[in-house]
C-alpha atoms as a PDB file:
ATOM      1  CA  UNK A   1       0.000   0.021   0.047  1.00  0.00           C
ATOM      2  CA  UNK A   2       1.170   3.468  -0.789  1.00  0.00           C
ATOM      3  CA  UNK A   3       2.544   5.321   2.241  1.00  0.00           C
ATOM      4  CA  UNK A   4       3.232   9.051   2.732  1.00  0.00           C
ATOM      5  CA  UNK A   5       4.629  11.542   5.208  1.00  0.00           C
ATOM      6  CA  UNK A   6       1.589  12.620   7.214  1.00  0.00           C
ATOM      7  CA  UNK A   7       3.142  15.061   9.875  1.00  0.00           C
ATOM      8  CA  UNK A   8       1.588  18.166   8.456  1.00  0.00           C
ATOM      9  CA  UNK A   9      -1.936  16.688   8.141  1.00  0.00           C
ATOM     10  CA  UNK A  10      -1.846  15.028  11.499  1.00  0.00           C
ATOM     11  CA  UNK A  11      -0.682  18.329  13.119  1.00  0.00           C
ATOM     12  CA  UNK A  12      -3.581  20.173  11.439  1.00  0.00           C
ATOM     13  CA  UNK A  13      -6.057  17.463  12.712  1.00  0.00           C
ATOM     14  CA  UNK A  14      -4.815  17.436  16.250  1.00  0.00           C
ATOM     15  CA  UNK A  15      -4.589  21.239  16.553  1.00  0.00           C
ATOM     16  CA  UNK A  16      -8.226  21.547  15.333  1.00  0.00           C
ATOM     17  CA  UNK A  17      -9.436  18.892  17.808  1.00  0.00           C
ATOM     18  CA  UNK A  18      -7.721  20.795  20.597  1.00  0.00           C
ATOM     19  CA  UNK A  19      -9.257  24.167  19.432  1.00  0.00           C
ATOM     20  CA  UNK A  20     -12.624  22.431  19.218  1.00  0.00           C
ATOM     21  CA  UNK A  21     -12.223  21.423  22.966  1.00  0.00           C
ATOM     22  CA  UNK A  22     -12.319  17.720  22.199  1.00  0.00           C
ATOM     23  CA  UNK A  23     -16.037  17.240  22.431  1.00  0.00           C
ATOM     24  CA  UNK A  24     -16.950  15.908  19.042  1.00  0.00           C
ATOM     25  CA  UNK A  25     -17.225  12.566  17.250  1.00  0.00           C
ATOM     26  CA  UNK A  26     -15.226  11.376  14.162  1.00  0.00           C
ATOM     27  CA  UNK A  27     -17.934  12.394  11.589  1.00  0.00           C
ATOM     28  CA  UNK A  28     -17.931  15.914  12.913  1.00  0.00           C
ATOM     29  CA  UNK A  29     -14.272  16.211  12.906  1.00  0.00           C
ATOM     30  CA  UNK A  30     -13.754  14.805   9.364  1.00  0.00           C
ATOM     31  CA  UNK A  31     -16.303  17.137   7.851  1.00  0.00           C
ATOM     32  CA  UNK A  32     -15.031  20.131   9.822  1.00  0.00           C
ATOM     33  CA  UNK A  33     -11.579  19.507   8.363  1.00  0.00           C
ATOM     34  CA  UNK A  34     -12.954  19.112   4.843  1.00  0.00           C
ATOM     35  CA  UNK A  35     -15.057  22.275   5.196  1.00  0.00           C
ATOM     36  CA  UNK A  36     -18.374  20.443   4.746  1.00  0.00           C
ATOM     37  CA  UNK A  37     -21.344  22.245   6.316  1.00  0.00           C
ATOM     38  CA  UNK A  38     -23.265  19.339   7.572  1.00  0.00           C
ATOM     39  CA  UNK A  39     -26.270  19.814   9.768  1.00  0.00           C
ATOM     40  CA  UNK A  40     -24.393  19.088  12.982  1.00  0.00           C
ATOM     41  CA  UNK A  41     -21.695  21.578  12.208  1.00  0.00           C
ATOM     42  CA  UNK A  42     -24.354  24.322  11.481  1.00  0.00           C
ATOM     43  CA  UNK A  43     -26.067  23.446  14.664  1.00  0.00           C
ATOM     44  CA  UNK A  44     -22.973  24.440  16.567  1.00  0.00           C
ATOM     45  CA  UNK A  45     -22.228  27.419  14.263  1.00  0.00           C
ATOM     46  CA  UNK A  46     -18.809  25.757  13.786  1.00  0.00           C
ATOM     47  CA  UNK A  47     -18.718  26.732  10.027  1.00  0.00           C
ATOM     48  CA  UNK A  48     -17.638  30.124  11.298  1.00  0.00           C
ATOM     49  CA  UNK A  49     -14.747  28.855  13.345  1.00  0.00           C
ATOM     50  CA  UNK A  50     -11.402  30.153  11.992  1.00  0.00           C
ATOM     51  CA  UNK A  51     -10.141  26.606  11.443  1.00  0.00           C
ATOM     52  CA  UNK A  52     -13.188  25.448   9.592  1.00  0.00           C
ATOM     53  CA  UNK A  53     -12.044  23.858   6.390  1.00  0.00           C
ATOM     54  CA  UNK A  54      -8.358  24.079   7.323  1.00  0.00           C
ATOM     55  CA  UNK A  55      -7.976  20.589   5.485  1.00  0.00           C
ATOM     56  CA  UNK A  56     -10.270  21.277   2.605  1.00  0.00           C
ATOM     57  CA  UNK A  57      -7.671  20.097   0.017  1.00  0.00           C
ATOM     58  CA  UNK A  58      -8.922  16.683   1.045  1.00  0.00           C
ATOM     59  CA  UNK A  59     -12.536  15.283   1.427  1.00  0.00           C
ATOM     60  CA  UNK A  60     -14.021  13.889   4.626  1.00  0.00           C
ATOM     61  CA  UNK A  61     -13.107  10.294   3.633  1.00  0.00           C
ATOM     62  CA  UNK A  62      -9.511  11.207   3.740  1.00  0.00           C
ATOM     63  CA  UNK A  63      -9.774  12.777   7.143  1.00  0.00           C
ATOM     64  CA  UNK A  64     -11.800   9.712   8.357  1.00  0.00           C
ATOM     65  CA  UNK A  65      -8.842   7.602   7.410  1.00  0.00           C
ATOM     66  CA  UNK A  66      -6.321  10.036   9.154  1.00  0.00           C
ATOM     67  CA  UNK A  67      -8.340   9.941  12.344  1.00  0.00           C
ATOM     68  CA  UNK A  68      -8.509   6.137  12.233  1.00  0.00           C
ATOM     69  CA  UNK A  69      -4.691   5.828  11.787  1.00  0.00           C
ATOM     70  CA  UNK A  70      -4.145   8.399  14.564  1.00  0.00           C
ATOM     71  CA  UNK A  71      -6.314   6.160  16.849  1.00  0.00           C
ATOM     72  CA  UNK A  72      -4.255   3.093  15.819  1.00  0.00           C
ATOM     73  CA  UNK A  73      -0.951   4.938  16.531  1.00  0.00           C
ATOM     74  CA  UNK A  74      -2.172   6.163  19.937  1.00  0.00           C
ATOM     75  CA  UNK A  75      -2.430   9.949  19.093  1.00  0.00           C
ATOM     76  CA  UNK A  76      -6.210  10.017  19.579  1.00  0.00           C
ATOM     77  CA  UNK A  77      -8.523   8.128  21.931  1.00  0.00           C
ATOM     78  CA  UNK A  78     -12.104   7.270  21.008  1.00  0.00           C
ATOM     79  CA  UNK A  79     -14.188   7.297  24.300  1.00  0.00           C
ATOM     80  CA  UNK A  80     -16.599   4.402  23.810  1.00  0.00           C
ATOM     81  CA  UNK A  81     -18.308   5.223  27.204  1.00  0.00           C
ATOM     82  CA  UNK A  82     -18.821   8.681  25.927  1.00  0.00           C
ATOM     83  CA  UNK A  83     -20.622   7.796  22.701  1.00  0.00           C
ATOM     84  CA  UNK A  84     -17.369   7.725  20.603  1.00  0.00           C
ATOM     85  CA  UNK A  85     -16.149  11.265  21.299  1.00  0.00           C
ATOM     86  CA  UNK A  86     -12.607  11.842  20.285  1.00  0.00           C
ATOM     87  CA  UNK A  87      -9.934  12.892  22.693  1.00  0.00           C
ATOM     88  CA  UNK A  88      -6.205  13.690  22.440  1.00  0.00           C
ATOM     89  CA  UNK A  89      -3.986  11.217  24.220  1.00  0.00           C
ATOM     90  CA  UNK A  90      -0.762  12.241  26.054  1.00  0.00           C
ATOM     91  CA  UNK A  91       1.177  11.226  22.923  1.00  0.00           C
ATOM     92  CA  UNK A  92      -1.145  13.399  20.856  1.00  0.00           C
ATOM     93  CA  UNK A  93      -0.720  16.434  23.133  1.00  0.00           C
ATOM     94  CA  UNK A  94       3.142  15.854  22.902  1.00  0.00           C
ATOM     95  CA  UNK A  95       2.870  15.674  19.111  1.00  0.00           C
ATOM     96  CA  UNK A  96       1.252  19.173  19.094  1.00  0.00           C
ATOM     97  CA  UNK A  97       4.074  20.570  21.059  1.00  0.00           C
ATOM     98  CA  UNK A  98       6.803  18.888  19.121  1.00  0.00           C
ATOM     99  CA  UNK A  99       5.556  17.341  15.902  1.00  0.00           C
ATOM    100  CA  UNK A 100       7.544  14.342  14.557  1.00  0.00           C
ATOM    101  CA  UNK A 101       7.591  12.317  11.333  1.00  0.00           C
ATOM    102  CA  UNK A 102       4.710   9.975  10.900  1.00  0.00           C
ATOM    103  CA  UNK A 103       3.897   7.749   8.143  1.00  0.00           C
ATOM    104  CA  UNK A 104       0.274   7.191   6.977  1.00  0.00           C
ATOM    105  CA  UNK A 105      -1.294   4.772   4.596  1.00  0.00           C
ATOM    106  CA  UNK A 106      -2.965   6.304   1.477  1.00  0.00           C
ATOM    107  CA  UNK A 107      -6.734   5.900   1.851  1.00  0.00           C
ATOM    108  CA  UNK A 108      -8.576   4.142  -1.042  1.00  0.00           C
ATOM    109  CA  UNK A 109     -10.941   6.479  -2.897  1.00  0.00           C
ATOM    110  CA  UNK A 110     -14.220   4.912  -3.994  1.00  0.00           C
ATOM    111  CA  UNK A 111     -15.376   7.961  -6.077  1.00  0.00           C
ATOM    112  CA  UNK A 112     -15.261   7.335  -9.781  1.00  0.00           C
ATOM    113  CA  UNK A 113     -12.908   9.583 -11.650  1.00  0.00           C
ATOM    114  CA  UNK A 114     -14.614  12.546 -13.304  1.00  0.00           C
ATOM    115  CA  UNK A 115     -13.010  11.774 -16.681  1.00  0.00           C
ATOM    116  CA  UNK A 116     -12.230   8.056 -17.154  1.00  0.00           C
ATOM    117  CA  UNK A 117     -10.862   8.826 -20.560  1.00  0.00           C
ATOM    118  CA  UNK A 118      -7.786  10.424 -18.882  1.00  0.00           C
ATOM    119  CA  UNK A 119      -6.978   7.278 -17.074  1.00  0.00           C
ATOM    120  CA  UNK A 120      -5.161   4.453 -18.746  1.00  0.00           C
ATOM    121  CA  UNK A 121      -6.222   1.152 -17.061  1.00  0.00           C
ATOM    122  CA  UNK A 122      -3.954  -1.817 -17.365  1.00  0.00           C
ATOM    123  CA  UNK A 123      -5.774  -4.925 -18.668  1.00  0.00           C
ATOM    124  CA  UNK A 124      -6.480  -7.270 -15.904  1.00  0.00           C
ATOM    125  CA  UNK A 125      -7.959 -10.615 -16.792  1.00  0.00           C
ATOM    126  CA  UNK A 126     -10.885 -11.896 -14.558  1.00  0.00           C
ATOM    127  CA  UNK A 127     -12.392 -15.326 -14.197  1.00  0.00           C
ATOM    128  CA  UNK A 128     -15.463 -14.130 -16.155  1.00  0.00           C
ATOM    129  CA  UNK A 129     -16.367 -15.834 -19.522  1.00  0.00           C
ATOM    130  CA  UNK A 130     -17.831 -12.516 -20.718  1.00  0.00           C
ATOM    131  CA  UNK A 131     -15.352  -9.794 -20.141  1.00  0.00           C
ATOM    132  CA  UNK A 132     -17.644  -7.043 -21.623  1.00  0.00           C
ATOM    133  CA  UNK A 133     -20.549  -7.804 -19.249  1.00  0.00           C
ATOM    134  CA  UNK A 134     -18.047  -8.221 -16.420  1.00  0.00           C
ATOM    135  CA  UNK A 135     -16.840  -4.700 -16.927  1.00  0.00           C
ATOM    136  CA  UNK A 136     -20.504  -3.364 -17.124  1.00  0.00           C
ATOM    137  CA  UNK A 137     -21.407  -5.165 -13.792  1.00  0.00           C
ATOM    138  CA  UNK A 138     -18.298  -3.932 -12.050  1.00  0.00           C
ATOM    139  CA  UNK A 139     -19.095  -0.359 -13.023  1.00  0.00           C
ATOM    140  CA  UNK A 140     -22.684  -0.849 -11.711  1.00  0.00           C
ATOM    141  CA  UNK A 141     -21.373  -2.327  -8.503  1.00  0.00           C
ATOM    142  CA  UNK A 142     -19.159   0.805  -8.082  1.00  0.00           C
ATOM    143  CA  UNK A 143     -22.042   3.103  -8.730  1.00  0.00           C
ATOM    144  CA  UNK A 144     -24.303   1.365  -6.178  1.00  0.00           C
ATOM    145  CA  UNK A 145     -21.556   1.118  -3.719  1.00  0.00           C
ATOM    146  CA  UNK A 146     -20.934   4.852  -3.995  1.00  0.00           C
ATOM    147  CA  UNK A 147     -24.639   5.614  -3.473  1.00  0.00           C
ATOM    148  CA  UNK A 148     -24.872   3.541  -0.376  1.00  0.00           C
ATOM    149  CA  UNK A 149     -21.471   4.688   0.948  1.00  0.00           C
ATOM    150  CA  UNK A 150     -20.163   1.214   1.086  1.00  0.00           C
ATOM    151  CA  UNK A 151     -17.040  -0.532  -0.338  1.00  0.00           C
ATOM    152  CA  UNK A 152     -17.879  -2.345  -3.663  1.00  0.00           C
ATOM    153  CA  UNK A 153     -17.060  -5.798  -2.237  1.00  0.00           C
ATOM    154  CA  UNK A 154     -19.942  -5.476   0.139  1.00  0.00           C
ATOM    155  CA  UNK A 155     -22.442  -5.329  -2.649  1.00  0.00           C
ATOM    156  CA  UNK A 156     -21.320  -8.502  -4.471  1.00  0.00           C
ATOM    157  CA  UNK A 157     -17.823 -10.051  -4.518  1.00  0.00           C
ATOM    158  CA  UNK A 158     -15.883 -10.629  -7.751  1.00  0.00           C
ATOM    159  CA  UNK A 159     -16.512 -14.454  -7.967  1.00  0.00           C
ATOM    160  CA  UNK A 160     -20.291 -13.666  -7.877  1.00  0.00           C
ATOM    161  CA  UNK A 161     -19.950 -11.173 -10.783  1.00  0.00           C
ATOM    162  CA  UNK A 162     -17.885 -13.720 -12.740  1.00  0.00           C
ATOM    163  CA  UNK A 163     -20.572 -16.369 -12.278  1.00  0.00           C
ATOM    164  CA  UNK A 164     -23.225 -13.902 -13.361  1.00  0.00           C
ATOM    165  CA  UNK A 165     -21.228 -13.495 -16.576  1.00  0.00           C
ATOM    166  CA  UNK A 166     -21.396 -17.220 -17.193  1.00  0.00           C
ATOM    167  CA  UNK A 167     -24.958 -17.969 -16.177  1.00  0.00           C
ATOM    168  CA  UNK A 168     -26.675 -14.798 -17.154  1.00  0.00           C
ATOM    169  CA  UNK A 169     -29.444 -14.822 -14.420  1.00  0.00           C
ATOM    170  CA  UNK A 170     -32.461 -12.635 -15.307  1.00  0.00           C
ATOM    171  CA  UNK A 171     -34.745 -13.413 -12.399  1.00  0.00           C
ATOM    172  CA  UNK A 172     -34.536 -13.231  -8.673  1.00  0.00           C
ATOM    173  CA  UNK A 173     -34.737 -16.914  -8.328  1.00  0.00           C
ATOM    174  CA  UNK A 174     -31.973 -17.556 -10.830  1.00  0.00           C
ATOM    175  CA  UNK A 175     -29.786 -14.933  -8.987  1.00  0.00           C
ATOM    176  CA  UNK A 176     -30.029 -16.975  -5.786  1.00  0.00           C
ATOM    177  CA  UNK A 177     -28.119 -19.800  -7.636  1.00  0.00           C
ATOM    178  CA  UNK A 178     -25.138 -17.501  -8.306  1.00  0.00           C
ATOM    179  CA  UNK A 179     -21.968 -18.247  -6.256  1.00  0.00           C
ATOM    180  CA  UNK A 180     -22.020 -16.116  -3.026  1.00  0.00           C
ATOM    181  CA  UNK A 181     -25.658 -14.847  -3.531  1.00  0.00           C
ATOM    182  CA  UNK A 182     -28.351 -16.149  -1.223  1.00  0.00           C
ATOM    183  CA  UNK A 183     -31.980 -15.125  -0.968  1.00  0.00           C
ATOM    184  CA  UNK A 184     -31.260 -12.156   1.460  1.00  0.00           C
ATOM    185  CA  UNK A 185     -28.397 -10.697  -0.613  1.00  0.00           C
ATOM    186  CA  UNK A 186     -30.407 -11.068  -3.895  1.00  0.00           C
ATOM    187  CA  UNK A 187     -33.390  -9.273  -2.473  1.00  0.00           C
ATOM    188  CA  UNK A 188     -31.271  -6.441  -1.126  1.00  0.00           C
ATOM    189  CA  UNK A 189     -28.893  -5.784  -4.139  1.00  0.00           C
ATOM    190  CA  UNK A 190     -29.750  -7.921  -7.173  1.00  0.00           C
ATOM    191  CA  UNK A 191     -32.534  -6.167  -9.005  1.00  0.00           C
ATOM    192  CA  UNK A 192     -30.430  -3.514 -10.873  1.00  0.00           C
ATOM    193  CA  UNK A 193     -28.051  -6.353 -11.822  1.00  0.00           C
ATOM    194  CA  UNK A 194     -30.836  -8.403 -13.133  1.00  0.00           C
ATOM    195  CA  UNK A 195     -32.216  -5.577 -15.297  1.00  0.00           C
ATOM    196  CA  UNK A 196     -28.764  -4.926 -16.798  1.00  0.00           C
ATOM    197  CA  UNK A 197     -28.114  -8.517 -17.537  1.00  0.00           C
ATOM    198  CA  UNK A 198     -31.520  -9.048 -19.112  1.00  0.00           C
ATOM    199  CA  UNK A 199     -31.004  -5.997 -21.405  1.00  0.00           C
ATOM    200  CA  UNK A 200     -27.469  -7.232 -22.293  1.00  0.00           C
ATOM    201  CA  UNK A 201     -28.730 -10.614 -23.127  1.00  0.00           C
ATOM    202  CA  UNK A 202     -31.515  -9.275 -25.288  1.00  0.00           C
ATOM    203  CA  UNK A 203     -29.328  -6.746 -27.174  1.00  0.00           C
ATOM    204  CA  UNK A 204     -26.471  -9.300 -27.907  1.00  0.00           C
ATOM    205  CA  UNK A 205     -28.721 -12.331 -28.619  1.00  0.00           C
ATOM    206  CA  UNK A 206     -27.053 -14.312 -25.806  1.00  0.00           C
ATOM    207  CA  UNK A 207     -27.918 -17.978 -25.472  1.00  0.00           C
ATOM    208  CA  UNK A 208     -28.253 -18.635 -21.828  1.00  0.00           C
ATOM    209  CA  UNK A 209     -27.695 -22.053 -20.191  1.00  0.00           C
ATOM    210  CA  UNK A 210     -30.775 -24.238 -20.322  1.00  0.00           C
ATOM    211  CA  UNK A 211     -30.858 -24.404 -16.584  1.00  0.00           C
ATOM    212  CA  UNK A 212     -29.056 -22.858 -13.652  1.00  0.00           C
ATOM    213  CA  UNK A 213     -27.973 -25.816 -11.468  1.00  0.00           C
ATOM    214  CA  UNK A 214     -28.644 -25.296  -7.818  1.00  0.00           C
ATOM    215  CA  UNK A 215     -25.271 -24.871  -6.240  1.00  0.00           C
ATOM    216  CA  UNK A 216     -25.869 -26.342  -2.884  1.00  0.00           C
ATOM    217  CA  UNK A 217     -25.783 -30.106  -2.071  1.00  0.00           C
ATOM    218  CA  UNK A 218     -27.636 -31.920   0.627  1.00  0.00           C
ATOM    219  CA  UNK A 219     -24.712 -32.461   3.041  1.00  0.00           C
ATOM    220  CA  UNK A 220     -23.493 -28.865   2.619  1.00  0.00           C
ATOM    221  CA  UNK A 221     -27.074 -27.663   3.359  1.00  0.00           C
ATOM    222  CA  UNK A 222     -27.324 -29.788   6.459  1.00  0.00           C
ATOM    223  CA  UNK A 223     -24.043 -28.449   7.767  1.00  0.00           C
ATOM    224  CA  UNK A 224     -25.257 -24.848   7.128  1.00  0.00           C
ATOM    225  CA  UNK A 225     -28.369 -25.433   9.023  1.00  0.00           C
ATOM    226  CA  UNK A 226     -26.514 -27.104  11.898  1.00  0.00           C
ATOM    227  CA  UNK A 227     -24.058 -24.080  12.165  1.00  0.00           C
ATOM    228  CA  UNK A 228     -26.751 -21.549  12.098  1.00  0.00           C
ATOM    229  CA  UNK A 229     -28.693 -23.360  14.756  1.00  0.00           C
ATOM    230  CA  UNK A 230     -25.578 -23.796  16.807  1.00  0.00           C
ATOM    231  CA  UNK A 231     -24.908 -20.073  16.619  1.00  0.00           C
ATOM    232  CA  UNK A 232     -28.434 -19.394  17.727  1.00  0.00           C
ATOM    233  CA  UNK A 233     -27.705 -21.550  20.817  1.00  0.00           C
ATOM    234  CA  UNK A 234     -24.457 -19.627  21.284  1.00  0.00           C
ATOM    235  CA  UNK A 235     -22.230 -22.595  21.054  1.00  0.00           C
ATOM    236  CA  UNK A 236     -18.474 -22.012  20.884  1.00  0.00           C
ATOM    237  CA  UNK A 237     -16.681 -22.553  17.530  1.00  0.00           C
ATOM    238  CA  UNK A 238     -14.643 -25.379  19.027  1.00  0.00           C
ATOM    239  CA  UNK A 239     -17.785 -27.204  20.091  1.00  0.00           C
ATOM    240  CA  UNK A 240     -19.379 -26.758  16.651  1.00  0.00           C
ATOM    241  CA  UNK A 241     -16.291 -28.188  15.018  1.00  0.00           C
ATOM    242  CA  UNK A 242     -15.976 -31.128  17.443  1.00  0.00           C
ATOM    243  CA  UNK A 243     -19.707 -32.023  16.834  1.00  0.00           C
ATOM    244  CA  UNK A 244     -19.062 -32.253  13.053  1.00  0.00           C
ATOM    245  CA  UNK A 245     -15.463 -33.625  13.119  1.00  0.00           C
ATOM    246  CA  UNK A 246     -14.017 -30.625  11.460  1.00  0.00           C
ATOM    247  CA  UNK A 247     -11.579 -27.828  12.209  1.00  0.00           C
ATOM    248  CA  UNK A 248     -12.413 -24.330  13.501  1.00  0.00           C
ATOM    249  CA  UNK A 249     -10.982 -22.979  10.371  1.00  0.00           C
ATOM    250  CA  UNK A 250     -13.509 -25.002   8.397  1.00  0.00           C
ATOM    251  CA  UNK A 251     -16.307 -23.797  10.659  1.00  0.00           C
ATOM    252  CA  UNK A 252     -15.260 -20.212   9.844  1.00  0.00           C
ATOM    253  CA  UNK A 253     -15.139 -21.099   6.148  1.00  0.00           C
ATOM    254  CA  UNK A 254     -18.697 -22.296   6.239  1.00  0.00           C
ATOM    255  CA  UNK A 255     -19.785 -19.159   8.275  1.00  0.00           C
ATOM    256  CA  UNK A 256     -18.125 -16.879   5.711  1.00  0.00           C
ATOM    257  CA  UNK A 257     -20.011 -18.745   2.933  1.00  0.00           C
ATOM    258  CA  UNK A 258     -23.331 -18.300   4.860  1.00  0.00           C
ATOM    259  CA  UNK A 259     -22.733 -14.631   5.331  1.00  0.00           C
ATOM    260  CA  UNK A 260     -21.417 -14.111   1.818  1.00  0.00           C
ATOM    261  CA  UNK A 261     -24.718 -15.700   0.511  1.00  0.00           C
ATOM    262  CA  UNK A 262     -26.815 -13.089   2.387  1.00  0.00           C
ATOM    263  CA  UNK A 263     -27.692 -14.645   5.716  1.00  0.00           C
ATOM    264  CA  UNK A 264     -27.157 -12.733   8.953  1.00  0.00           C
ATOM    265  CA  UNK A 265     -25.349 -14.343  11.750  1.00  0.00           C
ATOM    266  CA  UNK A 266     -24.676 -12.914  15.261  1.00  0.00           C
ATOM    267  CA  UNK A 267     -21.346 -13.964  16.698  1.00  0.00           C
ATOM    268  CA  UNK A 268     -21.214 -11.063  19.187  1.00  0.00           C
ATOM    269  CA  UNK A 269     -21.219 -13.589  22.172  1.00  0.00           C
ATOM    270  CA  UNK A 270     -17.878 -14.900  20.860  1.00  0.00           C
ATOM    271  CA  UNK A 271     -16.411 -11.549  19.662  1.00  0.00           C
ATOM    272  CA  UNK A 272     -17.248  -9.780  22.862  1.00  0.00           C
ATOM    273  CA  UNK A 273     -15.084 -12.207  24.843  1.00  0.00           C
ATOM    274  CA  UNK A 274     -12.235 -11.827  22.600  1.00  0.00           C
ATOM    275  CA  UNK A 275     -12.066  -8.063  21.764  1.00  0.00           C
ATOM    276  CA  UNK A 276     -12.870  -4.899  23.724  1.00  0.00           C
ATOM    277  CA  UNK A 277     -15.372  -2.523  21.951  1.00  0.00           C
ATOM    278  CA  UNK A 278     -12.798  -0.033  20.880  1.00  0.00           C
ATOM    279  CA  UNK A 279     -10.851  -2.778  19.129  1.00  0.00           C
ATOM    280  CA  UNK A 280     -14.078  -4.007  17.581  1.00  0.00           C
ATOM    281  CA  UNK A 281     -14.693  -0.437  16.181  1.00  0.00           C
ATOM    282  CA  UNK A 282     -11.136  -0.211  14.841  1.00  0.00           C
ATOM    283  CA  UNK A 283     -11.556  -3.376  12.791  1.00  0.00           C
ATOM    284  CA  UNK A 284     -15.031  -2.523  11.729  1.00  0.00           C
ATOM    285  CA  UNK A 285     -13.792   0.954  10.535  1.00  0.00           C
ATOM    286  CA  UNK A 286     -11.011  -0.649   8.587  1.00  0.00           C
ATOM    287  CA  UNK A 287     -13.458  -2.957   6.706  1.00  0.00           C
ATOM    288  CA  UNK A 288     -15.619  -0.011   5.943  1.00  0.00           C
ATOM    289  CA  UNK A 289     -12.750   1.775   4.323  1.00  0.00           C
ATOM    290  CA  UNK A 290     -10.830  -1.060   2.886  1.00  0.00           C
ATOM    291  CA  UNK A 291     -10.683  -1.638  -1.063  1.00  0.00           C
ATOM    292  CA  UNK A 292     -11.354  -5.262  -0.394  1.00  0.00           C
ATOM    293  CA  UNK A 293     -12.011  -7.753   2.439  1.00  0.00           C
ATOM    294  CA  UNK A 294      -8.840  -9.711   1.706  1.00  0.00           C
ATOM    295  CA  UNK A 295      -7.674 -11.360   4.921  1.00  0.00           C
ATOM    296  CA  UNK A 296      -3.942 -10.954   4.007  1.00  0.00           C
ATOM    297  CA  UNK A 297      -4.425  -7.277   3.435  1.00  0.00           C
ATOM    298  CA  UNK A 298      -5.964  -6.868   6.856  1.00  0.00           C
ATOM    299  CA  UNK A 299      -3.311  -8.971   8.521  1.00  0.00           C
ATOM    300  CA  UNK A 300      -0.596  -6.767   6.874  1.00  0.00           C
ATOM    301  CA  UNK A 301      -2.396  -3.555   7.968  1.00  0.00           C
ATOM    302  CA  UNK A 302      -2.547  -4.484  11.692  1.00  0.00           C
ATOM    303  CA  UNK A 303       0.679  -6.583  11.688  1.00  0.00           C
ATOM    304  CA  UNK A 304       0.562  -8.608  15.017  1.00  0.00           C
ATOM    305  CA  UNK A 305      -2.164  -6.374  16.714  1.00  0.00           C
ATOM    306  CA  UNK A 306      -4.871  -9.042  16.049  1.00  0.00           C
ATOM    307  CA  UNK A 307      -5.001 -12.796  15.416  1.00  0.00           C
ATOM    308  CA  UNK A 308      -6.297 -14.131  12.162  1.00  0.00           C
ATOM    309  CA  UNK A 309      -9.388 -15.653  13.902  1.00  0.00           C
ATOM    310  CA  UNK A 310     -10.047 -12.195  15.419  1.00  0.00           C
ATOM    311  CA  UNK A 311      -9.878 -10.450  12.109  1.00  0.00           C
ATOM    312  CA  UNK A 312     -12.082 -13.158  10.345  1.00  0.00           C
ATOM    313  CA  UNK A 313     -14.691 -12.922  13.054  1.00  0.00           C
ATOM    314  CA  UNK A 314     -14.838  -9.107  12.712  1.00  0.00           C
ATOM    315  CA  UNK A 315     -14.985  -9.508   8.863  1.00  0.00           C
ATOM    316  CA  UNK A 316     -18.031 -11.865   9.384  1.00  0.00           C
ATOM    317  CA  UNK A 317     -19.626  -9.344  11.844  1.00  0.00           C
ATOM    318  CA  UNK A 318     -19.064  -6.386   9.385  1.00  0.00           C
ATOM    319  CA  UNK A 319     -20.448  -8.241   6.256  1.00  0.00           C
ATOM    320  CA  UNK A 320     -23.428  -9.621   8.210  1.00  0.00           C
ATOM    321  CA  UNK A 321     -24.467  -6.255   9.522  1.00  0.00           C
ATOM    322  CA  UNK A 322     -23.611  -4.075   6.406  1.00  0.00           C
ATOM    323  CA  UNK A 323     -24.105  -6.341   3.458  1.00  0.00           C
ATOM    324  CA  UNK A 324     -27.050  -8.526   4.631  1.00  0.00           C
END
């Protein structure tokens, strides 16, 4: 990931927080820095503050990312018991008095470029059999994600789009047989994709497969039901694994498949024992801003701060709550 020297921007952010008396949450601060007159800022008349818009060369998403990284680096503390108000830590106050070099990770920008013709995109082959439709569906996914303020992977993951470009589903029922698309996800996100695929099929005289084979088999379906029922009974992952003679990793694999298909699961009873609320928020915020939900990227981002199981559990929680 691209990194850059962030001393100047961090100094701007921490100084603004200090001037604002450390009584606001992340959304307020990021919009204040970007010079966005949201309702909350107007209600406090903060648009007239001399520092309002002191970071307007960047948008609020950029400042959200800087805030998150300052929390990770111990310069800012998010007070969970005080509804998420941001406070300067002792390290943050020391930084204001004597700024030092600090490296930040470049935040991903989900906005579509204003003029795509000015950008030369390297050709990247996908697993889709119809590359033209795949490009159309990726653009649609990006548009919907931007409208909803979500990372594109939350809408449909790449393997789902690739399968759509092989099977050409044109009904909600057919869409539920696409890899990674269950009834819940289909009902929430599929209709615009169905309309685009149907139009594409008609305009290009595409011969669709005679039948869309149902992707699940009996034993997989039984395991899925058992896992969902076990989670409802708040069984530990180890106990679920022992009951079925599989590993905890395999249980997590199945839970990820369940969630990716659009079914909600609630693992809070496990996560709350492993992670304090502030750490849950840190991981949750990461997945909200991340370009992808790739596990290796998350492990690299946090180095040794969290175990693989903790990150996987929080990824499941995030996708279950946001995507389903």
